[in-house]
């Protein structure tokens, strides 16, 4: 049990470090923008159609929640001669003329910047909970060892 928790803890710490370095790098913006463009233009052809649709639904959800449109902006759709989806309009109302002008990459960066402390605290709580579970596992192992020794001593007498 201790070994499994240790492996999970190491992976979690590595993932946190990688996420932190990725969020603070310029490659994050380019990767996110490339992914947005890939998904809205039809996705990778090797993906199953249902998987492409699932990815597109995630993009639409993000656009609606963060009040943004495309990776860099609504021009991501216009440049590819694609209709602007309802998720880019205020309240999904395509009859209105207002389209979100902010790109979702900028919106995601702002979201992470605003909520980064909360995300970090939740992850740190998880790390501390795992460490507490590891300490508890060590204490339990020690208790079983001492109980086993005590049991041997009483049977020998």
N, C-alpha and C. Protein backbone atom coordinates (compact mmCIF):
# COMPACT_ATOMS: atom_id res chain seq x y z
N UNK A 1 0.83 -1.19 0.00
CA UNK A 1 0.00 0.00 0.00
C UNK A 1 0.87 1.25 0.00
N UNK A 2 1.89 1.23 0.85
CA UNK A 2 2.81 2.37 0.94
C UNK A 2 3.49 2.61 -0.41
N UNK A 3 3.93 1.53 -1.04
CA UNK A 3 4.62 1.64 -2.33
C UNK A 3 3.72 2.25 -3.40
N UNK A 4 2.48 1.82 -3.43
CA UNK A 4 1.53 2.36 -4.41
C UNK A 4 1.32 3.86 -4.17
N UNK A 5 1.14 4.24 -2.91
CA UNK A 5 0.97 5.66 -2.60
C UNK A 5 2.21 6.47 -2.95
N UNK A 6 3.38 5.89 -2.74
CA UNK A 6 4.63 6.58 -3.08
C UNK A 6 4.73 6.83 -4.58
N UNK A 7 4.39 5.82 -5.37
CA UNK A 7 4.42 5.97 -6.83
C UNK A 7 3.43 7.04 -7.27
N UNK A 8 2.22 7.00 -6.73
CA UNK A 8 1.20 8.01 -7.07
C UNK A 8 1.68 9.40 -6.68
N UNK A 9 2.28 9.52 -5.50
CA UNK A 9 2.78 10.81 -5.03
C UNK A 9 3.86 11.36 -5.96
N UNK A 10 4.79 10.51 -6.37
CA UNK A 10 5.85 10.95 -7.27
C UNK A 10 5.26 11.42 -8.60
N UNK A 11 4.33 10.63 -9.16
CA UNK A 11 3.69 11.03 -10.42
C UNK A 11 2.93 12.35 -10.27
N UNK A 12 2.26 12.52 -9.15
CA UNK A 12 1.49 13.75 -8.93
C UNK A 12 2.42 14.96 -8.84
N UNK A 13 3.53 14.82 -8.13
CA UNK A 13 4.48 15.94 -8.01
C UNK A 13 5.09 16.27 -9.37
N UNK A 14 5.43 15.24 -10.14
CA UNK A 14 5.98 15.47 -11.49
C UNK A 14 4.94 16.16 -12.37
N UNK A 15 3.69 15.71 -12.29
CA UNK A 15 2.62 16.32 -13.10
C UNK A 15 2.40 17.78 -12.72
N UNK A 16 2.44 18.08 -11.43
CA UNK A 16 2.28 19.47 -10.98
C UNK A 16 3.42 20.33 -11.51
N UNK A 17 4.65 19.81 -11.42
CA UNK A 17 5.81 20.56 -11.91
C UNK A 17 5.73 20.79 -13.41
N UNK A 18 5.35 19.75 -14.15
CA UNK A 18 5.23 19.89 -15.60
C UNK A 18 4.12 20.87 -15.97
N UNK A 19 2.99 20.78 -15.28
CA UNK A 19 1.87 21.69 -15.56
C UNK A 19 2.28 23.13 -15.27
N UNK A 20 2.98 23.33 -14.16
CA UNK A 20 3.42 24.69 -13.81
C UNK A 20 4.37 25.24 -14.86
N UNK A 21 5.31 24.43 -15.31
CA UNK A 21 6.27 24.91 -16.31
C UNK A 21 5.58 25.13 -17.66
N UNK A 22 4.59 24.28 -17.99
CA UNK A 22 3.88 24.42 -19.26
C UNK A 22 3.01 25.67 -19.27
N UNK A 23 2.32 25.93 -18.17
CA UNK A 23 1.44 27.09 -18.09
C UNK A 23 2.24 28.38 -18.22
N UNK A 24 3.45 28.37 -17.71
CA UNK A 24 4.28 29.58 -17.77
C UNK A 24 5.13 29.66 -19.03
N UNK A 25 4.89 28.79 -19.99
CA UNK A 25 5.69 28.83 -21.21
C UNK A 25 4.87 29.38 -22.37
N UNK A 26 5.56 29.88 -23.37
CA UNK A 26 4.86 30.40 -24.55
C UNK A 26 4.35 29.27 -25.43
N UNK A 27 4.91 28.07 -25.27
CA UNK A 27 4.45 26.95 -26.09
C UNK A 27 3.03 26.53 -25.75
N UNK A 28 2.57 26.87 -24.53
CA UNK A 28 1.20 26.53 -24.15
C UNK A 28 0.21 27.24 -25.06
N UNK A 29 0.44 28.52 -25.29
CA UNK A 29 -0.47 29.28 -26.15
C UNK A 29 -0.54 28.68 -27.54
N UNK A 30 0.61 28.37 -28.10
CA UNK A 30 0.64 27.82 -29.45
C UNK A 30 -0.03 26.45 -29.50
N UNK A 31 0.24 25.61 -28.49
CA UNK A 31 -0.37 24.27 -28.45
C UNK A 31 -1.89 24.36 -28.35
N UNK A 32 -2.37 25.22 -27.46
CA UNK A 32 -3.82 25.37 -27.31
C UNK A 32 -4.45 25.92 -28.58
N UNK A 33 -3.82 26.91 -29.17
CA UNK A 33 -4.37 27.48 -30.40
C UNK A 33 -4.39 26.44 -31.52
N UNK A 34 -3.30 25.68 -31.65
CA UNK A 34 -3.26 24.62 -32.67
C UNK A 34 -4.37 23.60 -32.45
N UNK A 35 -4.62 23.27 -31.18
CA UNK A 35 -5.67 22.30 -30.87
C UNK A 35 -7.05 22.86 -31.22
N UNK A 36 -7.30 24.11 -30.87
CA UNK A 36 -8.58 24.74 -31.22
C UNK A 36 -8.80 24.69 -32.72
N UNK A 37 -7.79 25.12 -33.48
CA UNK A 37 -7.91 25.17 -34.94
C UNK A 37 -8.12 23.76 -35.49
N UNK A 38 -7.39 22.79 -34.95
CA UNK A 38 -7.53 21.41 -35.41
C UNK A 38 -8.95 20.90 -35.19
N UNK A 39 -9.49 21.17 -34.02
CA UNK A 39 -10.84 20.67 -33.70
C UNK A 39 -11.91 21.37 -34.52
N UNK A 40 -11.86 22.70 -34.62
CA UNK A 40 -12.94 23.40 -35.33
C UNK A 40 -12.87 23.18 -36.83
N UNK A 41 -11.71 22.79 -37.34
CA UNK A 41 -11.62 22.56 -38.79
C UNK A 41 -11.85 21.10 -39.16
N UNK A 42 -12.30 20.30 -38.22
CA UNK A 42 -12.67 18.92 -38.53
C UNK A 42 -11.87 17.89 -37.79
N UNK A 43 -10.88 18.30 -37.07
CA UNK A 43 -10.10 17.37 -36.27
C UNK A 43 -9.19 16.49 -37.09
N UNK A 44 -8.44 15.70 -36.38
CA UNK A 44 -7.53 14.76 -37.04
C UNK A 44 -8.36 13.67 -37.71
N UNK A 45 -7.98 13.32 -38.88
CA UNK A 45 -8.77 12.36 -39.66
C UNK A 45 -8.69 10.94 -39.11
N UNK A 46 -7.64 10.64 -38.33
CA UNK A 46 -7.54 9.28 -37.81
C UNK A 46 -8.47 9.05 -36.62
N UNK A 47 -9.09 10.12 -36.10
CA UNK A 47 -10.02 9.97 -34.98
C UNK A 47 -11.36 9.43 -35.47
N UNK A 48 -12.01 8.71 -34.59
CA UNK A 48 -13.36 8.25 -34.87
C UNK A 48 -14.29 9.46 -34.94
N UNK A 49 -15.33 9.42 -35.79
CA UNK A 49 -16.24 10.57 -35.90
C UNK A 49 -16.87 10.98 -34.56
N UNK A 50 -17.21 10.01 -33.72
CA UNK A 50 -17.83 10.36 -32.44
C UNK A 50 -16.83 11.08 -31.54
N UNK A 51 -15.54 10.75 -31.67
CA UNK A 51 -14.51 11.41 -30.87
C UNK A 51 -14.31 12.85 -31.34
N UNK A 52 -14.38 13.06 -32.66
CA UNK A 52 -14.28 14.42 -33.20
C UNK A 52 -15.44 15.27 -32.71
N UNK A 53 -16.63 14.68 -32.71
CA UNK A 53 -17.82 15.41 -32.24
C UNK A 53 -17.70 15.73 -30.75
N UNK A 54 -17.16 14.79 -29.99
CA UNK A 54 -16.96 15.01 -28.56
C UNK A 54 -15.99 16.18 -28.32
N UNK A 55 -14.90 16.21 -29.08
CA UNK A 55 -13.93 17.30 -28.97
C UNK A 55 -14.58 18.64 -29.32
N UNK A 56 -15.40 18.65 -30.35
CA UNK A 56 -16.08 19.87 -30.77
C UNK A 56 -17.05 20.35 -29.69
N UNK A 57 -17.74 19.41 -29.05
CA UNK A 57 -18.66 19.78 -27.96
C UNK A 57 -17.90 20.39 -26.78
N UNK A 58 -16.69 19.89 -26.51
CA UNK A 58 -15.87 20.47 -25.44
C UNK A 58 -15.50 21.91 -25.81
N UNK A 59 -15.11 22.12 -27.06
CA UNK A 59 -14.77 23.48 -27.52
C UNK A 59 -15.98 24.40 -27.37
N UNK A 60 -17.15 23.94 -27.78
CA UNK A 60 -18.37 24.75 -27.66
C UNK A 60 -18.67 25.07 -26.20
N UNK A 61 -18.48 24.08 -25.32
CA UNK A 61 -18.71 24.29 -23.89
C UNK A 61 -17.76 25.36 -23.35
N UNK A 62 -16.49 25.24 -23.69
CA UNK A 62 -15.49 26.21 -23.23
C UNK A 62 -15.84 27.61 -23.75
N UNK A 63 -16.22 27.70 -25.02
CA UNK A 63 -16.58 29.00 -25.59
C UNK A 63 -17.76 29.63 -24.86
N UNK A 64 -18.76 28.82 -24.54
CA UNK A 64 -19.93 29.34 -23.84
C UNK A 64 -19.62 29.75 -22.41
N UNK A 65 -18.83 28.93 -21.71
CA UNK A 65 -18.53 29.20 -20.30
C UNK A 65 -17.57 30.38 -20.12
N UNK A 66 -16.56 30.45 -20.98
CA UNK A 66 -15.56 31.52 -20.84
C UNK A 66 -15.88 32.75 -21.68
N UNK A 67 -17.00 32.68 -22.41
CA UNK A 67 -17.45 33.81 -23.24
C UNK A 67 -16.34 34.22 -24.20
N UNK A 68 -15.91 33.25 -25.00
CA UNK A 68 -14.84 33.47 -25.96
C UNK A 68 -15.21 32.78 -27.27
N UNK A 69 -14.38 32.95 -28.28
CA UNK A 69 -14.69 32.35 -29.58
C UNK A 69 -13.40 31.97 -30.29
N UNK A 70 -13.27 30.72 -30.67
CA UNK A 70 -12.09 30.24 -31.38
C UNK A 70 -10.85 30.28 -30.50
N UNK A 71 -9.71 29.91 -31.09
CA UNK A 71 -8.47 29.95 -30.33
C UNK A 71 -7.98 31.37 -30.15
N UNK A 72 -7.85 32.09 -31.25
CA UNK A 72 -7.39 33.49 -31.21
C UNK A 72 -8.55 34.47 -31.26
N UNK A 73 -9.68 34.01 -31.77
CA UNK A 73 -10.86 34.87 -31.91
C UNK A 73 -11.77 34.31 -32.98
N UNK A 74 -12.87 35.00 -33.29
CA UNK A 74 -13.82 34.50 -34.29
C UNK A 74 -13.21 34.36 -35.68
N UNK A 75 -12.08 35.01 -35.91
CA UNK A 75 -11.42 34.88 -37.22
C UNK A 75 -10.94 33.46 -37.49
N UNK A 76 -10.78 32.65 -36.43
CA UNK A 76 -10.41 31.24 -36.64
C UNK A 76 -11.48 30.53 -37.48
N UNK A 77 -12.73 30.90 -37.28
CA UNK A 77 -13.81 30.31 -38.08
C UNK A 77 -13.87 30.96 -39.46
N UNK A 78 -13.78 32.28 -39.49
CA UNK A 78 -13.90 33.02 -40.76
C UNK A 78 -12.80 32.63 -41.74
N UNK A 79 -11.57 32.47 -41.25
CA UNK A 79 -10.45 32.12 -42.13
C UNK A 79 -10.63 30.74 -42.77
N UNK A 80 -11.40 29.89 -42.13
CA UNK A 80 -11.63 28.54 -42.65
C UNK A 80 -12.99 28.42 -43.31
N UNK A 81 -13.65 29.54 -43.50
CA UNK A 81 -14.98 29.60 -44.14
C UNK A 81 -15.98 28.69 -43.42
N UNK A 82 -15.92 28.73 -42.09
CA UNK A 82 -16.83 27.94 -41.26
C UNK A 82 -17.83 28.89 -40.60
N UNK A 83 -19.06 28.42 -40.40
CA UNK A 83 -20.03 29.27 -39.70
C UNK A 83 -19.63 29.42 -38.24
N UNK A 84 -19.90 30.57 -37.69
CA UNK A 84 -19.60 30.80 -36.28
C UNK A 84 -20.67 30.09 -35.45
N UNK A 85 -20.26 29.21 -34.53
CA UNK A 85 -21.24 28.43 -33.77
C UNK A 85 -22.01 29.28 -32.76
N UNK A 86 -23.17 28.81 -32.34
CA UNK A 86 -23.97 29.55 -31.36
C UNK A 86 -23.23 29.81 -30.05
N UNK A 87 -22.27 28.96 -29.70
CA UNK A 87 -21.55 29.16 -28.44
C UNK A 87 -20.69 30.42 -28.46
N UNK A 88 -20.46 31.01 -29.63
CA UNK A 88 -19.69 32.26 -29.74
C UNK A 88 -20.57 33.49 -29.56
N UNK A 89 -21.88 33.30 -29.51
CA UNK A 89 -22.81 34.42 -29.36
C UNK A 89 -23.23 34.54 -27.90
N UNK A 90 -23.54 35.75 -27.51
CA UNK A 90 -24.03 35.99 -26.16
C UNK A 90 -25.33 35.21 -25.96
N UNK A 91 -25.39 34.40 -24.93
CA UNK A 91 -26.55 33.56 -24.60
C UNK A 91 -26.94 32.61 -25.73
N UNK A 92 -25.99 32.23 -26.56
CA UNK A 92 -26.22 31.30 -27.67
C UNK A 92 -27.28 31.80 -28.65
N UNK A 93 -27.52 33.09 -28.65
CA UNK A 93 -28.56 33.67 -29.51
C UNK A 93 -27.92 34.14 -30.82
N UNK A 94 -28.07 33.34 -31.88
CA UNK A 94 -27.46 33.67 -33.16
C UNK A 94 -28.16 34.83 -33.86
N UNK A 95 -29.31 35.26 -33.34
CA UNK A 95 -30.01 36.40 -33.93
C UNK A 95 -29.38 37.73 -33.49
N UNK A 96 -28.61 37.67 -32.41
CA UNK A 96 -27.94 38.88 -31.95
C UNK A 96 -26.69 39.10 -32.78
N UNK A 97 -26.25 40.32 -32.82
CA UNK A 97 -25.06 40.63 -33.63
C UNK A 97 -23.78 40.55 -32.82
N UNK A 98 -23.88 40.42 -31.49
CA UNK A 98 -22.67 40.42 -30.67
C UNK A 98 -22.02 39.04 -30.65
N UNK A 99 -20.80 38.99 -31.12
CA UNK A 99 -20.00 37.76 -31.10
C UNK A 99 -18.83 38.02 -30.16
N UNK A 100 -18.52 37.05 -29.31
CA UNK A 100 -17.37 37.20 -28.43
C UNK A 100 -16.12 37.40 -29.27
N UNK A 101 -15.38 38.45 -29.00
CA UNK A 101 -14.19 38.77 -29.77
C UNK A 101 -12.92 38.19 -29.17
N UNK A 102 -12.97 37.90 -27.89
CA UNK A 102 -11.78 37.38 -27.21
C UNK A 102 -11.59 35.92 -27.59
N UNK A 103 -10.36 35.55 -27.87
CA UNK A 103 -10.03 34.16 -28.16
C UNK A 103 -10.03 33.32 -26.90
N UNK A 104 -10.28 32.03 -27.04
CA UNK A 104 -10.36 31.16 -25.88
C UNK A 104 -9.00 30.87 -25.26
N UNK A 105 -7.93 30.97 -26.03
CA UNK A 105 -6.60 30.77 -25.45
C UNK A 105 -6.33 31.87 -24.42
N UNK A 106 -6.63 33.11 -24.77
CA UNK A 106 -6.46 34.23 -23.83
C UNK A 106 -7.40 34.06 -22.64
N UNK A 107 -8.63 33.61 -22.90
CA UNK A 107 -9.60 33.41 -21.82
C UNK A 107 -9.14 32.31 -20.86
N UNK A 108 -8.59 31.23 -21.41
CA UNK A 108 -8.09 30.14 -20.56
C UNK A 108 -6.90 30.59 -19.72
N UNK A 109 -6.01 31.37 -20.32
CA UNK A 109 -4.87 31.90 -19.56
C UNK A 109 -5.35 32.77 -18.41
N UNK A 110 -6.34 33.61 -18.69
CA UNK A 110 -6.88 34.48 -17.64
C UNK A 110 -7.55 33.64 -16.55
N UNK A 111 -8.27 32.60 -16.94
CA UNK A 111 -8.93 31.72 -15.97
C UNK A 111 -7.90 31.06 -15.06
N UNK A 112 -6.83 30.54 -15.66
CA UNK A 112 -5.79 29.88 -14.86
C UNK A 112 -5.10 30.89 -13.96
N UNK A 113 -4.86 32.09 -14.46
CA UNK A 113 -4.21 33.12 -13.65
C UNK A 113 -5.10 33.49 -12.45
N UNK A 114 -6.41 33.62 -12.68
CA UNK A 114 -7.33 33.98 -11.61
C UNK A 114 -7.51 32.84 -10.60
N UNK A 115 -7.56 31.61 -11.10
CA UNK A 115 -7.88 30.47 -10.25
C UNK A 115 -6.67 29.60 -9.94
N UNK A 116 -5.50 30.04 -10.32
CA UNK A 116 -4.29 29.24 -10.12
C UNK A 116 -4.03 28.91 -8.67
N UNK A 117 -4.26 29.87 -7.78
CA UNK A 117 -4.03 29.63 -6.36
C UNK A 117 -4.95 28.53 -5.85
N UNK A 118 -6.22 28.59 -6.21
CA UNK A 118 -7.18 27.56 -5.78
C UNK A 118 -6.79 26.19 -6.32
N UNK A 119 -6.42 26.15 -7.59
CA UNK A 119 -6.01 24.88 -8.20
C UNK A 119 -4.79 24.33 -7.49
N UNK A 120 -3.82 25.21 -7.22
CA UNK A 120 -2.60 24.79 -6.52
C UNK A 120 -2.89 24.31 -5.11
N UNK A 121 -3.77 25.00 -4.40
CA UNK A 121 -4.10 24.59 -3.03
C UNK A 121 -4.79 23.23 -3.00
N UNK A 122 -5.67 22.99 -3.94
CA UNK A 122 -6.34 21.68 -4.01
C UNK A 122 -5.31 20.58 -4.26
N UNK A 123 -4.38 20.84 -5.18
CA UNK A 123 -3.34 19.85 -5.45
C UNK A 123 -2.45 19.63 -4.23
N UNK A 124 -2.09 20.71 -3.54
CA UNK A 124 -1.25 20.58 -2.34
C UNK A 124 -2.00 19.80 -1.25
N UNK A 125 -3.29 20.03 -1.11
CA UNK A 125 -4.08 19.27 -0.14
C UNK A 125 -4.03 17.78 -0.49
N UNK A 126 -4.13 17.47 -1.79
CA UNK A 126 -4.04 16.08 -2.22
C UNK A 126 -2.70 15.47 -1.88
N UNK A 127 -1.62 16.23 -2.08
CA UNK A 127 -0.28 15.74 -1.74
C UNK A 127 -0.18 15.48 -0.24
N UNK A 128 -0.65 16.43 0.57
CA UNK A 128 -0.58 16.25 2.02
C UNK A 128 -1.45 15.07 2.49
N UNK A 129 -2.60 14.88 1.87
CA UNK A 129 -3.46 13.74 2.22
C UNK A 129 -2.75 12.43 1.89
N UNK A 130 -2.06 12.39 0.75
CA UNK A 130 -1.32 11.18 0.39
C UNK A 130 -0.17 10.93 1.36
N UNK A 131 0.52 11.98 1.76
CA UNK A 131 1.61 11.83 2.73
C UNK A 131 1.06 11.32 4.06
N UNK A 132 -0.09 11.87 4.49
CA UNK A 132 -0.72 11.40 5.73
C UNK A 132 -1.11 9.93 5.62
N UNK A 133 -1.62 9.52 4.46
CA UNK A 133 -1.97 8.11 4.26
C UNK A 133 -0.73 7.23 4.29
N UNK A 134 0.38 7.73 3.76
CA UNK A 134 1.64 6.97 3.79
C UNK A 134 2.15 6.82 5.22
N UNK A 135 2.07 7.89 6.00
CA UNK A 135 2.48 7.83 7.41
C UNK A 135 1.58 6.85 8.15
N UNK A 136 0.28 6.91 7.89
CA UNK A 136 -0.65 5.97 8.51
C UNK A 136 -0.34 4.53 8.13
N UNK A 137 0.03 4.30 6.88
CA UNK A 137 0.39 2.95 6.44
C UNK A 137 1.64 2.47 7.17
N UNK A 138 2.62 3.35 7.35
CA UNK A 138 3.84 2.97 8.09
C UNK A 138 3.51 2.64 9.54
N UNK A 139 2.66 3.45 10.15
CA UNK A 139 2.29 3.20 11.55
C UNK A 139 1.53 1.88 11.67
N UNK A 140 0.67 1.60 10.72
CA UNK A 140 -0.08 0.35 10.72
C UNK A 140 0.85 -0.85 10.57
N UNK A 141 1.82 -0.73 9.65
CA UNK A 141 2.79 -1.82 9.47
C UNK A 141 3.58 -2.05 10.75
N UNK A 142 3.99 -0.96 11.41
CA UNK A 142 4.75 -1.07 12.66
C UNK A 142 3.90 -1.72 13.74
N UNK A 143 2.64 -1.35 13.80
CA UNK A 143 1.73 -1.94 14.79
C UNK A 143 1.57 -3.44 14.56
N UNK A 144 1.41 -3.86 13.30
CA UNK A 144 1.26 -5.28 13.00
C UNK A 144 2.54 -6.05 13.32
N UNK A 145 3.69 -5.45 13.06
CA UNK A 145 4.96 -6.11 13.38
C UNK A 145 5.11 -6.30 14.88
N UNK A 146 4.79 -5.26 15.65
CA UNK A 146 4.93 -5.37 17.10
C UNK A 146 3.89 -6.33 17.67
N UNK A 147 2.70 -6.37 17.10
CA UNK A 147 1.67 -7.30 17.56
C UNK A 147 2.07 -8.73 17.23
N UNK A 148 2.71 -8.92 16.07
CA UNK A 148 3.16 -10.25 15.67
C UNK A 148 4.27 -10.73 16.60
N UNK A 149 5.21 -9.82 16.95
CA UNK A 149 6.29 -10.16 17.89
C UNK A 149 5.71 -10.51 19.25
N UNK A 150 4.77 -9.71 19.72
CA UNK A 150 4.16 -9.95 21.02
C UNK A 150 3.43 -11.29 21.01
N UNK A 151 2.83 -11.64 19.91
CA UNK A 151 2.14 -12.92 19.79
C UNK A 151 3.11 -14.09 19.84
N UNK A 152 4.28 -13.94 19.23
CA UNK A 152 5.30 -15.00 19.26
C UNK A 152 5.83 -15.17 20.67
N UNK A 153 6.06 -14.07 21.38
CA UNK A 153 6.61 -14.14 22.73
C UNK A 153 5.64 -14.82 23.69
N UNK A 154 4.36 -14.62 23.54
CA UNK A 154 3.39 -15.22 24.46
C UNK A 154 3.19 -16.71 24.15
N UNK A 155 3.39 -17.14 22.91
CA UNK A 155 3.22 -18.55 22.59
C UNK A 155 4.44 -19.35 22.99
N UNK A 156 5.60 -18.71 23.10
CA UNK A 156 6.82 -19.42 23.49
C UNK A 156 6.87 -19.64 24.99
N UNK A 157 6.18 -18.85 25.79
CA UNK A 157 6.26 -18.93 27.25
C UNK A 157 5.48 -20.06 27.80
